[in-house]
Amino acid sequence: MKALVLKSYGRAGRIELTDIPRPLIKADELLVQVHAAGLNPSDNMMRNGEFRPIIKMRLPATMGSDLAGVVVEVGSRVRRFKVGDAVYASTFDLGMGSLAEFAAVPEHAAALKPANLDFVQAASIPMVGLTSWQAFHERAQLKPGQKVFIQAGSGGIGTFAIQLAKQLGARVGTTTSTANVELVRSLGADEVVDYKKQEFEETLQGYDAVLGTIKGDGLEKAMRIVNPKSMVMSLVGPPDAAMARARGMNFLMKFVFGLLSRKIIGLANKHEARYSFLFVRPDGGQLARIGELLETARIRPVIDKVFPFAQAKEGLAYLEQGRAKGKVVVQIVRT
């Protein structure tokens, strides 16, 4: 089968569309014919080697984590799915890539594809959906009437997170460029700061949660807009000791991550806030609940561009430019 394979780390890391054997599934796995695969910034971070201290990946490795497709084989212990089911899933951190014609997917990571979405739309959801769900439900425990600040509202995470926060009854503040102000407003953002014209930390105040999605000093600036007892979450770091403990890392890694996060945790403490590094995990049960919101159109996919499988590398390069409005998806099977 064809797969997009990472052969060496680095910004100029070797990525090739090549032939590899079809996966052999275990008893608790599904073999899925992948119709579409969503791209995420984590894919380029993985290529660059930024996750090497956290995720142990043996090269060569198939890239990608988000997928939507059709089950063509089930393991002997699989009970929730059958051959012919249309599913979507994230395989992030499971050592199984999605940018391939076929992918092995653990049963616990998969959910039935929302019936009203096509495969391209469904493939755009898993990473951004699970990240937003785990941030707002588990970490921040967001309640109706609270205020959440979401960086980069027009990006892949932002366009989903704004909608989910609104479904939870929160008020949403975000940043975006002039061209995307109307987009984020249409998704439900209440306070929109055009970063080309204003500094958000001089405009916003009284926030109960922050979701940091981009590198730079934005997280430190966000400390100026939060209430006491707020939760400040980051998807891009620095990683903290709590994450190292949750992943069962050794003492040295806990110590290193503690040092890396000491400054931001100290700043959070100064503002009586809590800092948390969020490392998303696959969860088919959560995807099923997200699917209910999608099927009732309370949340809609936002897709910027679709690349054919032969141009998957170009899709990753386009995503890395940081200008996508919503998600970038690779279509593997044309339907």
C-alpha atoms as a PDB file:
ATOM      1  CA  MET A   1       0.000   0.000   0.000  1.00  0.00           C
ATOM      2  CA  LYS A   2       1.011   3.639  -0.406  1.00  0.00           C
ATOM      3  CA  ALA A   3       1.937   5.653   2.701  1.00  0.00           C
ATOM      4  CA  LEU A   4       3.629   8.958   3.515  1.00  0.00           C
ATOM      5  CA  VAL A   5       6.684   7.822   5.465  1.00  0.00           C
ATOM      6  CA  LEU A   6       9.078   9.799   7.653  1.00  0.00           C
ATOM      7  CA  LYS A   7      12.600   8.451   7.229  1.00  0.00           C
ATOM      8  CA  SER A   8      14.668  11.001   9.181  1.00  0.00           C
ATOM      9  CA  TYR A   9      14.035  13.848  11.623  1.00  0.00           C
ATOM     10  CA  GLY A  10      14.659  17.553  11.017  1.00  0.00           C
ATOM     11  CA  ARG A  11      13.022  20.504   9.268  1.00  0.00           C
ATOM     12  CA  ALA A  12      14.381  19.052   6.055  1.00  0.00           C
ATOM     13  CA  GLY A  13      13.556  15.534   7.219  1.00  0.00           C
ATOM     14  CA  ARG A  14      13.050  12.970   4.493  1.00  0.00           C
ATOM     15  CA  ILE A  15       9.376  12.347   3.797  1.00  0.00           C
ATOM     16  CA  GLU A  16       8.462  10.022   0.956  1.00  0.00           C
ATOM     17  CA  LEU A  17       5.254   8.664  -0.514  1.00  0.00           C
ATOM     18  CA  THR A  18       6.251   5.037  -0.851  1.00  0.00           C
ATOM     19  CA  ASP A  19       5.026   1.437  -0.762  1.00  0.00           C
ATOM     20  CA  ILE A  20       4.929  -0.353   2.585  1.00  0.00           C
ATOM     21  CA  PRO A  21       3.183  -3.536   3.782  1.00  0.00           C
ATOM     22  CA  ARG A  22      -0.461  -3.310   4.775  1.00  0.00           C
ATOM     23  CA  PRO A  23      -0.783  -3.333   8.618  1.00  0.00           C
ATOM     24  CA  LEU A  24      -1.514  -6.585  10.402  1.00  0.00           C
ATOM     25  CA  ILE A  25      -4.114  -5.906  13.059  1.00  0.00           C
ATOM     26  CA  LYS A  26      -4.201  -7.177  16.637  1.00  0.00           C
ATOM     27  CA  ALA A  27      -7.225  -8.719  18.322  1.00  0.00           C
ATOM     28  CA  ASP A  28      -8.499  -5.353  19.604  1.00  0.00           C
ATOM     29  CA  GLU A  29      -7.906  -3.386  16.395  1.00  0.00           C
ATOM     30  CA  LEU A  30      -9.704  -2.434  13.198  1.00  0.00           C
ATOM     31  CA  LEU A  31      -8.173  -2.306   9.743  1.00  0.00           C
ATOM     32  CA  VAL A  32      -9.519   0.841   8.126  1.00  0.00           C
ATOM     33  CA  GLN A  33      -9.330   1.791   4.482  1.00  0.00           C
ATOM     34  CA  VAL A  34      -8.471   5.449   4.883  1.00  0.00           C
ATOM     35  CA  HIS A  35     -10.557   7.782   2.718  1.00  0.00           C
ATOM     36  CA  ALA A  36      -9.164  11.031   4.151  1.00  0.00           C
ATOM     37  CA  ALA A  37      -6.588  12.136   6.720  1.00  0.00           C
ATOM     38  CA  GLY A  38      -6.591  15.447   8.575  1.00  0.00           C
ATOM     39  CA  LEU A  39      -3.296  17.293   8.976  1.00  0.00           C
ATOM     40  CA  ASN A  40      -2.222  18.931  12.237  1.00  0.00           C
ATOM     41  CA  PRO A  41       0.704  21.092  13.387  1.00  0.00           C
ATOM     42  CA  SER A  42       1.802  18.071  15.440  1.00  0.00           C
ATOM     43  CA  ASP A  43       2.618  16.292  12.164  1.00  0.00           C
ATOM     44  CA  ASN A  44       5.263  18.878  11.301  1.00  0.00           C
ATOM     45  CA  MET A  45       6.448  18.963  14.916  1.00  0.00           C
ATOM     46  CA  MET A  46       6.855  15.186  14.763  1.00  0.00           C
ATOM     47  CA  ARG A  47       8.880  15.489  11.561  1.00  0.00           C
ATOM     48  CA  ASN A  48      11.078  18.169  13.140  1.00  0.00           C
ATOM     49  CA  GLY A  49      11.818  15.898  16.098  1.00  0.00           C
ATOM     50  CA  GLU A  50      10.148  18.198  18.646  1.00  0.00           C
ATOM     51  CA  PHE A  51       8.278  15.297  20.266  1.00  0.00           C
ATOM     52  CA  ARG A  52      11.273  12.957  20.485  1.00  0.00           C
ATOM     53  CA  PRO A  53      11.656  13.402  24.276  1.00  0.00           C
ATOM     54  CA  ILE A  54       7.969  12.529  24.734  1.00  0.00           C
ATOM     55  CA  ILE A  55       7.018  10.072  21.989  1.00  0.00           C
ATOM     56  CA  LYS A  56       9.281   7.185  21.124  1.00  0.00           C
ATOM     57  CA  MET A  57       8.787   6.558  17.421  1.00  0.00           C
ATOM     58  CA  ARG A  58      10.781   4.039  15.413  1.00  0.00           C
ATOM     59  CA  LEU A  59      11.745   5.287  11.961  1.00  0.00           C
ATOM     60  CA  PRO A  60      10.750   4.824   9.231  1.00  0.00           C
ATOM     61  CA  ALA A  61       7.218   5.651  10.381  1.00  0.00           C
ATOM     62  CA  THR A  62       3.947   6.485   8.668  1.00  0.00           C
ATOM     63  CA  MET A  63       2.957  10.076   9.298  1.00  0.00           C
ATOM     64  CA  GLY A  64      -0.386  11.497  10.387  1.00  0.00           C
ATOM     65  CA  SER A  65      -2.910  10.701  13.112  1.00  0.00           C
ATOM     66  CA  ASP A  66      -6.405  11.847  12.073  1.00  0.00           C
ATOM     67  CA  LEU A  67      -8.429   9.676   9.711  1.00  0.00           C
ATOM     68  CA  ALA A  68     -11.852   8.796   8.396  1.00  0.00           C
ATOM     69  CA  GLY A  69     -12.565   5.658   6.424  1.00  0.00           C
ATOM     70  CA  VAL A  70     -14.288   2.280   6.187  1.00  0.00           C
ATOM     71  CA  VAL A  71     -13.602  -0.801   8.312  1.00  0.00           C
ATOM     72  CA  VAL A  72     -12.403  -3.692   6.134  1.00  0.00           C
ATOM     73  CA  GLU A  73     -11.324  -6.115   8.879  1.00  0.00           C
ATOM     74  CA  VAL A  74     -11.875  -6.477  12.626  1.00  0.00           C
ATOM     75  CA  GLY A  75      -9.839  -8.245  15.290  1.00  0.00           C
ATOM     76  CA  SER A  76     -11.236 -11.195  17.225  1.00  0.00           C
ATOM     77  CA  ARG A  77     -11.958  -9.115  20.365  1.00  0.00           C
ATOM     78  CA  VAL A  78     -13.607  -6.170  18.604  1.00  0.00           C
ATOM     79  CA  ARG A  79     -17.272  -5.817  19.596  1.00  0.00           C
ATOM     80  CA  ARG A  80     -18.374  -2.262  18.743  1.00  0.00           C
ATOM     81  CA  PHE A  81     -17.590  -2.236  15.022  1.00  0.00           C
ATOM     82  CA  LYS A  82     -18.087  -4.460  11.994  1.00  0.00           C
ATOM     83  CA  VAL A  83     -16.776  -4.629   8.434  1.00  0.00           C
ATOM     84  CA  GLY A  84     -18.375  -1.879   6.358  1.00  0.00           C
ATOM     85  CA  ASP A  85     -18.723   0.657   9.189  1.00  0.00           C
ATOM     86  CA  ALA A  86     -17.675   4.213   8.381  1.00  0.00           C
ATOM     87  CA  VAL A  87     -15.480   5.462  11.248  1.00  0.00           C
ATOM     88  CA  TYR A  88     -13.241   8.312  12.276  1.00  0.00           C
ATOM     89  CA  ALA A  89     -10.383   8.292  14.766  1.00  0.00           C
ATOM     90  CA  SER A  90      -7.180   9.770  16.087  1.00  0.00           C
ATOM     91  CA  THR A  91      -4.153   7.503  16.383  1.00  0.00           C
ATOM     92  CA  PHE A  92      -1.920  10.207  17.872  1.00  0.00           C
ATOM     93  CA  ASP A  93       0.747   8.793  20.207  1.00  0.00           C
ATOM     94  CA  LEU A  94      -0.264   5.212  19.360  1.00  0.00           C
ATOM     95  CA  GLY A  95       2.540   4.532  16.883  1.00  0.00           C
ATOM     96  CA  MET A  96       0.088   4.158  13.996  1.00  0.00           C
ATOM     97  CA  GLY A  97       0.050   6.656  11.129  1.00  0.00           C
ATOM     98  CA  SER A  98      -3.001   7.751   9.151  1.00  0.00           C
ATOM     99  CA  LEU A  99      -1.455   9.086   5.929  1.00  0.00           C
ATOM    100  CA  ALA A 100      -1.763   5.730   4.210  1.00  0.00           C
ATOM    101  CA  GLU A 101      -4.214   3.702   2.184  1.00  0.00           C
ATOM    102  CA  PHE A 102      -4.894   1.470   5.199  1.00  0.00           C
ATOM    103  CA  ALA A 103      -4.419   2.022   8.932  1.00  0.00           C
ATOM    104  CA  ALA A 104      -4.657  -0.134  12.047  1.00  0.00           C
ATOM    105  CA  VAL A 105      -6.866   1.572  14.636  1.00  0.00           C
ATOM    106  CA  PRO A 106      -7.439   0.371  18.229  1.00  0.00           C
ATOM    107  CA  GLU A 107     -11.130  -0.107  18.942  1.00  0.00           C
ATOM    108  CA  HIS A 108     -10.986   2.313  21.876  1.00  0.00           C
ATOM    109  CA  ALA A 109      -9.766   5.126  19.615  1.00  0.00           C
ATOM    110  CA  ALA A 110     -12.519   4.909  16.981  1.00  0.00           C
ATOM    111  CA  ALA A 111     -16.097   6.140  16.692  1.00  0.00           C
ATOM    112  CA  LEU A 112     -18.737   5.899  13.995  1.00  0.00           C
ATOM    113  CA  LYS A 113     -18.432   8.715  11.479  1.00  0.00           C
ATOM    114  CA  PRO A 114     -21.159  11.358  11.882  1.00  0.00           C
ATOM    115  CA  ALA A 115     -23.703  10.464   9.214  1.00  0.00           C
ATOM    116  CA  ASN A 116     -24.089  14.018   7.937  1.00  0.00           C
ATOM    117  CA  LEU A 117     -20.364  14.482   7.260  1.00  0.00           C
ATOM    118  CA  ASP A 118     -18.417  13.203   4.287  1.00  0.00           C
ATOM    119  CA  PHE A 119     -15.044  11.557   4.867  1.00  0.00           C
ATOM    120  CA  VAL A 120     -13.043  14.739   4.271  1.00  0.00           C
ATOM    121  CA  GLN A 121     -15.132  16.662   6.802  1.00  0.00           C
ATOM    122  CA  ALA A 122     -14.935  13.851   9.361  1.00  0.00           C
ATOM    123  CA  ALA A 123     -11.156  13.527   8.983  1.00  0.00           C
ATOM    124  CA  SER A 124     -10.778  17.195   9.925  1.00  0.00           C
ATOM    125  CA  ILE A 125     -12.232  16.642  13.407  1.00  0.00           C
ATOM    126  CA  PRO A 126     -10.403  14.129  15.670  1.00  0.00           C
ATOM    127  CA  MET A 127      -7.330  16.041  16.889  1.00  0.00           C
ATOM    128  CA  VAL A 128      -9.007  19.443  17.199  1.00  0.00           C
ATOM    129  CA  GLY A 129     -12.176  17.923  18.637  1.00  0.00           C
ATOM    130  CA  LEU A 130     -10.424  15.817  21.268  1.00  0.00           C
ATOM    131  CA  THR A 131      -8.039  18.616  22.211  1.00  0.00           C
ATOM    132  CA  SER A 132     -10.892  21.077  22.748  1.00  0.00           C
ATOM    133  CA  TRP A 133     -13.006  18.499  24.599  1.00  0.00           C
ATOM    134  CA  GLN A 134     -10.203  17.504  26.974  1.00  0.00           C
ATOM    135  CA  ALA A 135      -9.233  21.139  27.549  1.00  0.00           C
ATOM    136  CA  PHE A 136     -12.695  22.397  28.397  1.00  0.00           C
ATOM    137  CA  HIS A 137     -14.338  19.359  30.003  1.00  0.00           C
ATOM    138  CA  GLU A 138     -11.391  17.820  31.876  1.00  0.00           C
ATOM    139  CA  ARG A 139      -8.832  20.541  32.584  1.00  0.00           C
ATOM    140  CA  ALA A 140     -10.789  23.785  32.823  1.00  0.00           C
ATOM    141  CA  GLN A 141     -14.156  22.191  33.679  1.00  0.00           C
ATOM    142  CA  LEU A 142     -15.717  25.124  31.873  1.00  0.00           C
ATOM    143  CA  LYS A 143     -19.108  26.265  33.168  1.00  0.00           C
ATOM    144  CA  PRO A 144     -21.877  28.352  31.576  1.00  0.00           C
ATOM    145  CA  GLY A 145     -21.182  32.053  31.877  1.00  0.00           C
ATOM    146  CA  GLN A 146     -17.422  31.685  32.269  1.00  0.00           C
ATOM    147  CA  LYS A 147     -15.036  33.342  29.832  1.00  0.00           C
ATOM    148  CA  VAL A 148     -12.416  31.488  27.814  1.00  0.00           C
ATOM    149  CA  PHE A 149      -9.655  33.043  25.707  1.00  0.00           C
ATOM    150  CA  ILE A 150      -8.622  31.009  22.651  1.00  0.00           C
ATOM    151  CA  GLN A 151      -5.529  32.063  20.741  1.00  0.00           C
ATOM    152  CA  ALA A 152      -5.626  32.067  16.932  1.00  0.00           C
ATOM    153  CA  GLY A 153      -9.368  31.636  16.527  1.00  0.00           C
ATOM    154  CA  SER A 154      -9.261  31.096  12.765  1.00  0.00           C
ATOM    155  CA  GLY A 155      -6.840  28.143  12.930  1.00  0.00           C
ATOM    156  CA  GLY A 156      -7.672  24.452  13.047  1.00  0.00           C
ATOM    157  CA  ILE A 157      -7.956  24.248  16.836  1.00  0.00           C
ATOM    158  CA  GLY A 158      -9.480  27.692  17.183  1.00  0.00           C
ATOM    159  CA  THR A 159     -12.365  27.188  14.780  1.00  0.00           C
ATOM    160  CA  PHE A 160     -13.483  24.062  16.647  1.00  0.00           C
ATOM    161  CA  ALA A 161     -12.699  25.270  20.175  1.00  0.00           C
ATOM    162  CA  ILE A 162     -14.755  28.442  19.756  1.00  0.00           C
ATOM    163  CA  GLN A 163     -17.795  26.404  18.774  1.00  0.00           C
ATOM    164  CA  LEU A 164     -17.410  23.870  21.586  1.00  0.00           C
ATOM    165  CA  ALA A 165     -16.951  26.588  24.204  1.00  0.00           C
ATOM    166  CA  LYS A 166     -20.154  28.259  23.014  1.00  0.00           C
ATOM    167  CA  GLN A 167     -21.996  24.930  23.289  1.00  0.00           C
ATOM    168  CA  LEU A 168     -20.862  24.794  26.909  1.00  0.00           C
ATOM    169  CA  GLY A 169     -22.371  28.231  27.524  1.00  0.00           C
ATOM    170  CA  ALA A 170     -19.090  30.130  27.781  1.00  0.00           C
ATOM    171  CA  ARG A 171     -18.223  33.570  26.472  1.00  0.00           C
ATOM    172  CA  VAL A 172     -15.305  33.433  24.048  1.00  0.00           C
ATOM    173  CA  GLY A 173     -12.500  35.861  23.313  1.00  0.00           C
ATOM    174  CA  THR A 174     -10.005  35.263  20.537  1.00  0.00           C
ATOM    175  CA  THR A 175      -7.365  36.778  18.291  1.00  0.00           C
ATOM    176  CA  THR A 176      -7.191  36.726  14.514  1.00  0.00           C
ATOM    177  CA  SER A 177      -6.092  38.818  11.555  1.00  0.00           C
ATOM    178  CA  THR A 178      -8.242  41.446   9.878  1.00  0.00           C
ATOM    179  CA  ALA A 179      -9.299  39.108   7.069  1.00  0.00           C
ATOM    180  CA  ASN A 180     -10.683  36.495   9.481  1.00  0.00           C
ATOM    181  CA  VAL A 181     -12.636  38.632  11.957  1.00  0.00           C
ATOM    182  CA  GLU A 182     -15.998  37.799  10.379  1.00  0.00           C
ATOM    183  CA  LEU A 183     -15.182  34.076  10.270  1.00  0.00           C
ATOM    184  CA  VAL A 184     -14.533  33.804  14.006  1.00  0.00           C
ATOM    185  CA  ARG A 185     -17.567  35.947  14.785  1.00  0.00           C
ATOM    186  CA  SER A 186     -19.700  33.599  12.684  1.00  0.00           C
ATOM    187  CA  LEU A 187     -18.446  30.686  14.815  1.00  0.00           C
ATOM    188  CA  GLY A 188     -19.609  32.420  17.991  1.00  0.00           C
ATOM    189  CA  ALA A 189     -16.661  34.485  19.288  1.00  0.00           C
ATOM    190  CA  ASP A 190     -17.917  37.295  21.522  1.00  0.00           C
ATOM    191  CA  GLU A 191     -14.755  39.398  21.801  1.00  0.00           C
ATOM    192  CA  VAL A 192     -12.438  39.455  18.798  1.00  0.00           C
ATOM    193  CA  VAL A 193      -9.074  41.196  18.816  1.00  0.00           C
ATOM    194  CA  ASP A 194      -7.465  41.941  15.457  1.00  0.00           C
ATOM    195  CA  TYR A 195      -3.833  41.333  16.353  1.00  0.00           C
ATOM    196  CA  LYS A 196      -2.707  43.526  13.466  1.00  0.00           C
ATOM    197  CA  LYS A 197      -4.333  46.511  15.169  1.00  0.00           C
ATOM    198  CA  GLN A 198      -4.424  45.773  18.912  1.00  0.00           C
ATOM    199  CA  GLU A 199      -2.691  43.892  21.717  1.00  0.00           C
ATOM    200  CA  PHE A 200      -5.168  41.469  23.266  1.00  0.00           C
ATOM    201  CA  GLU A 201      -3.728  41.880  26.771  1.00  0.00           C
ATOM    202  CA  GLU A 202      -4.584  45.593  26.614  1.00  0.00           C
ATOM    203  CA  THR A 203      -8.149  44.933  25.460  1.00  0.00           C
ATOM    204  CA  LEU A 204      -9.460  41.831  27.241  1.00  0.00           C
ATOM    205  CA  GLN A 205      -9.958  41.098  30.933  1.00  0.00           C
ATOM    206  CA  GLY A 206     -11.724  38.798  33.368  1.00  0.00           C
ATOM    207  CA  TYR A 207     -11.058  35.400  31.748  1.00  0.00           C
ATOM    208  CA  ASP A 208     -11.488  32.079  33.564  1.00  0.00           C
ATOM    209  CA  ALA A 209      -9.583  29.869  31.104  1.00  0.00           C
ATOM    210  CA  VAL A 210      -6.961  30.265  28.393  1.00  0.00           C
ATOM    211  CA  LEU A 211      -6.162  27.851  25.563  1.00  0.00           C
ATOM    212  CA  GLY A 212      -2.722  28.627  24.154  1.00  0.00           C
ATOM    213  CA  THR A 213      -2.219  27.287  20.640  1.00  0.00           C
ATOM    214  CA  ILE A 214       0.770  29.165  19.208  1.00  0.00           C
ATOM    215  CA  LYS A 215       4.395  29.590  20.195  1.00  0.00           C
ATOM    216  CA  GLY A 216       5.813  32.881  21.383  1.00  0.00           C
ATOM    217  CA  ASP A 217       5.060  35.125  24.337  1.00  0.00           C
ATOM    218  CA  GLY A 218       1.274  34.988  23.985  1.00  0.00           C
ATOM    219  CA  LEU A 219       0.892  32.679  26.986  1.00  0.00           C
ATOM    220  CA  GLU A 220       2.793  35.045  29.253  1.00  0.00           C
ATOM    221  CA  LYS A 221       0.708  37.973  28.007  1.00  0.00           C
ATOM    222  CA  ALA A 222      -2.473  35.977  28.633  1.00  0.00           C
ATOM    223  CA  MET A 223      -1.649  35.904  32.355  1.00  0.00           C
ATOM    224  CA  ARG A 224      -2.579  39.600  32.442  1.00  0.00           C
ATOM    225  CA  ILE A 225      -6.197  38.917  31.433  1.00  0.00           C
ATOM    226  CA  VAL A 226      -7.113  36.049  33.765  1.00  0.00           C
ATOM    227  CA  ASN A 227      -9.142  35.908  36.957  1.00  0.00           C
ATOM    228  CA  PRO A 228      -7.835  34.259  40.143  1.00  0.00           C
ATOM    229  CA  LYS A 229      -8.229  30.446  40.081  1.00  0.00           C
ATOM    230  CA  SER A 230      -8.269  30.420  36.275  1.00  0.00           C
ATOM    231  CA  MET A 231      -6.787  27.578  34.213  1.00  0.00           C
ATOM    232  CA  VAL A 232      -4.135  28.420  31.605  1.00  0.00           C
ATOM    233  CA  MET A 233      -3.569  25.539  29.189  1.00  0.00           C
ATOM    234  CA  SER A 234      -0.984  25.248  26.438  1.00  0.00           C
ATOM    235  CA  LEU A 235      -0.756  22.876  23.489  1.00  0.00           C
ATOM    236  CA  VAL A 236       2.747  23.999  22.480  1.00  0.00           C
ATOM    237  CA  GLY A 237       4.576  24.010  25.777  1.00  0.00           C
ATOM    238  CA  PRO A 238       6.494  24.231  27.850  1.00  0.00           C
ATOM    239  CA  PRO A 239       5.770  20.668  29.009  1.00  0.00           C
ATOM    240  CA  ASP A 240       5.468  20.301  32.774  1.00  0.00           C
ATOM    241  CA  ALA A 241       6.330  17.701  35.401  1.00  0.00           C
ATOM    242  CA  ALA A 242       2.666  16.716  35.746  1.00  0.00           C
ATOM    243  CA  MET A 243       2.653  15.569  32.129  1.00  0.00           C
ATOM    244  CA  ALA A 244       5.877  13.618  32.688  1.00  0.00           C
ATOM    245  CA  ARG A 245       4.332  11.882  35.701  1.00  0.00           C
ATOM    246  CA  ALA A 246       1.155  11.060  33.778  1.00  0.00           C
ATOM    247  CA  ARG A 247       3.243   9.407  31.051  1.00  0.00           C
ATOM    248  CA  GLY A 248       5.355   7.440  33.542  1.00  0.00           C
ATOM    249  CA  MET A 249       8.592   9.174  32.572  1.00  0.00           C
ATOM    250  CA  ASN A 250      11.770   8.761  34.616  1.00  0.00           C
ATOM    251  CA  PHE A 251      13.020  11.156  37.297  1.00  0.00           C
ATOM    252  CA  LEU A 252      15.349  12.977  34.912  1.00  0.00           C
ATOM    253  CA  MET A 253      12.547  13.856  32.483  1.00  0.00           C
ATOM    254  CA  LYS A 254      10.305  14.997  35.346  1.00  0.00           C
ATOM    255  CA  PHE A 255      13.153  17.224  36.542  1.00  0.00           C
ATOM    256  CA  VAL A 256      13.852  18.631  33.069  1.00  0.00           C
ATOM    257  CA  PHE A 257      10.200  19.367  32.337  1.00  0.00           C
ATOM    258  CA  GLY A 258       9.877  20.937  35.776  1.00  0.00           C
ATOM    259  CA  LEU A 259      12.731  23.293  34.920  1.00  0.00           C
ATOM    260  CA  LEU A 260      11.282  24.103  31.507  1.00  0.00           C
ATOM    261  CA  SER A 261       7.907  25.039  32.973  1.00  0.00           C
ATOM    262  CA  ARG A 262       9.166  26.783  36.105  1.00  0.00           C
ATOM    263  CA  LYS A 263       8.914  30.294  34.671  1.00  0.00           C
ATOM    264  CA  ILE A 264       5.372  29.979  33.312  1.00  0.00           C
ATOM    265  CA  ILE A 265       4.152  28.198  36.454  1.00  0.00           C
ATOM    266  CA  GLY A 266       5.687  30.935  38.589  1.00  0.00           C
ATOM    267  CA  LEU A 267       3.955  33.576  36.501  1.00  0.00           C
ATOM    268  CA  ALA A 268       0.660  31.719  36.798  1.00  0.00           C
ATOM    269  CA  ASN A 269       1.070  31.510  40.574  1.00  0.00           C
ATOM    270  CA  LYS A 270       1.702  35.247  40.686  1.00  0.00           C
ATOM    271  CA  HIS A 271      -1.704  35.763  39.095  1.00  0.00           C
ATOM    272  CA  GLU A 272      -3.321  33.057  41.297  1.00  0.00           C
ATOM    273  CA  ALA A 273      -3.853  30.908  38.191  1.00  0.00           C
ATOM    274  CA  ARG A 274      -2.908  27.318  37.313  1.00  0.00           C
ATOM    275  CA  TYR A 275      -0.784  26.250  34.342  1.00  0.00           C
ATOM    276  CA  SER A 276      -1.243  22.940  32.524  1.00  0.00           C
ATOM    277  CA  PHE A 277       0.435  21.476  29.438  1.00  0.00           C
ATOM    278  CA  LEU A 278      -2.164  19.569  27.432  1.00  0.00           C
ATOM    279  CA  PHE A 279      -1.060  16.490  25.497  1.00  0.00           C
ATOM    280  CA  VAL A 280      -4.127  15.095  23.758  1.00  0.00           C
ATOM    281  CA  ARG A 281      -4.999  11.403  23.955  1.00  0.00           C
ATOM    282  CA  PRO A 282      -7.136   9.310  21.565  1.00  0.00           C
ATOM    283  CA  ASP A 283     -10.612   8.548  22.902  1.00  0.00           C
ATOM    284  CA  GLY A 284     -13.372   7.000  20.793  1.00  0.00           C
ATOM    285  CA  GLY A 285     -15.981   7.625  23.474  1.00  0.00           C
ATOM    286  CA  GLN A 286     -15.301  11.348  23.378  1.00  0.00           C
ATOM    287  CA  LEU A 287     -15.362  11.298  19.567  1.00  0.00           C
ATOM    288  CA  ALA A 288     -18.810   9.690  19.736  1.00  0.00           C
ATOM    289  CA  ARG A 289     -20.073  12.544  21.922  1.00  0.00           C
ATOM    290  CA  ILE A 290     -18.469  15.095  19.609  1.00  0.00           C
ATOM    291  CA  GLY A 291     -20.180  13.292  16.734  1.00  0.00           C
ATOM    292  CA  GLU A 292     -23.556  13.990  18.341  1.00  0.00           C
ATOM    293  CA  LEU A 293     -22.829  17.722  18.234  1.00  0.00           C
ATOM    294  CA  LEU A 294     -21.756  17.452  14.607  1.00  0.00           C
ATOM    295  CA  GLU A 295     -24.816  15.430  13.564  1.00  0.00           C
ATOM    296  CA  THR A 296     -27.147  18.047  15.024  1.00  0.00           C
ATOM    297  CA  ALA A 297     -25.128  20.828  13.315  1.00  0.00           C
ATOM    298  CA  ARG A 298     -24.381  22.509  16.640  1.00  0.00           C
ATOM    299  CA  ILE A 299     -20.742  22.399  15.534  1.00  0.00           C
ATOM    300  CA  ARG A 300     -19.592  22.446  11.922  1.00  0.00           C
ATOM    301  CA  PRO A 301     -16.260  21.527  10.339  1.00  0.00           C
ATOM    302  CA  VAL A 302     -14.201  24.400   8.947  1.00  0.00           C
ATOM    303  CA  ILE A 303     -11.897  23.276   6.123  1.00  0.00           C
ATOM    304  CA  ASP A 304      -9.434  25.545   4.372  1.00  0.00           C
ATOM    305  CA  LYS A 305      -7.949  23.298   1.710  1.00  0.00           C
ATOM    306  CA  VAL A 306      -8.014  19.682   0.510  1.00  0.00           C
ATOM    307  CA  PHE A 307      -4.943  18.082  -1.079  1.00  0.00           C
ATOM    308  CA  PRO A 308      -4.884  14.838  -3.079  1.00  0.00           C
ATOM    309  CA  PHE A 309      -2.799  12.021  -1.596  1.00  0.00           C
ATOM    310  CA  ALA A 310      -0.048  12.529  -4.163  1.00  0.00           C
ATOM    311  CA  GLN A 311       0.404  16.078  -2.794  1.00  0.00           C
ATOM    312  CA  ALA A 312       0.395  15.212   0.935  1.00  0.00           C
ATOM    313  CA  LYS A 313       3.878  16.710   1.378  1.00  0.00           C
ATOM    314  CA  GLU A 314       2.648  19.953  -0.147  1.00  0.00           C
ATOM    315  CA  GLY A 315      -0.259  19.870   2.302  1.00  0.00           C
ATOM    316  CA  LEU A 316       2.129  19.692   5.245  1.00  0.00           C
ATOM    317  CA  ALA A 317       4.189  22.551   3.827  1.00  0.00           C
ATOM    318  CA  TYR A 318       1.047  24.653   3.357  1.00  0.00           C
ATOM    319  CA  LEU A 319      -0.061  23.976   6.926  1.00  0.00           C
ATOM    320  CA  GLU A 320       3.360  24.960   8.260  1.00  0.00           C
ATOM    321  CA  GLN A 321       2.933  28.464   6.809  1.00  0.00           C
ATOM    322  CA  GLY A 322       0.378  29.101   9.562  1.00  0.00           C
ATOM    323  CA  ARG A 323      -2.200  30.797   7.336  1.00  0.00           C
ATOM    324  CA  ALA A 324      -4.861  28.096   7.086  1.00  0.00           C
ATOM    325  CA  LYS A 325      -8.408  29.124   8.003  1.00  0.00           C
ATOM    326  CA  GLY A 326      -9.613  25.940   9.651  1.00  0.00           C
ATOM    327  CA  LYS A 327      -8.263  22.535   8.763  1.00  0.00           C
ATOM    328  CA  VAL A 328      -6.136  21.092   5.961  1.00  0.00           C
ATOM    329  CA  VAL A 329      -7.105  17.587   4.808  1.00  0.00           C
ATOM    330  CA  VAL A 330      -5.563  14.989   2.492  1.00  0.00           C
ATOM    331  CA  GLN A 331      -8.090  13.023   0.415  1.00  0.00           C
ATOM    332  CA  ILE A 332      -6.875   9.487  -0.201  1.00  0.00           C
ATOM    333  CA  VAL A 333      -9.964   7.886  -1.771  1.00  0.00           C
ATOM    334  CA  ARG A 334     -12.128  10.013  -4.067  1.00  0.00           C
ATOM    335  CA  THR A 335     -15.813   9.326  -3.500  1.00  0.00           C
END
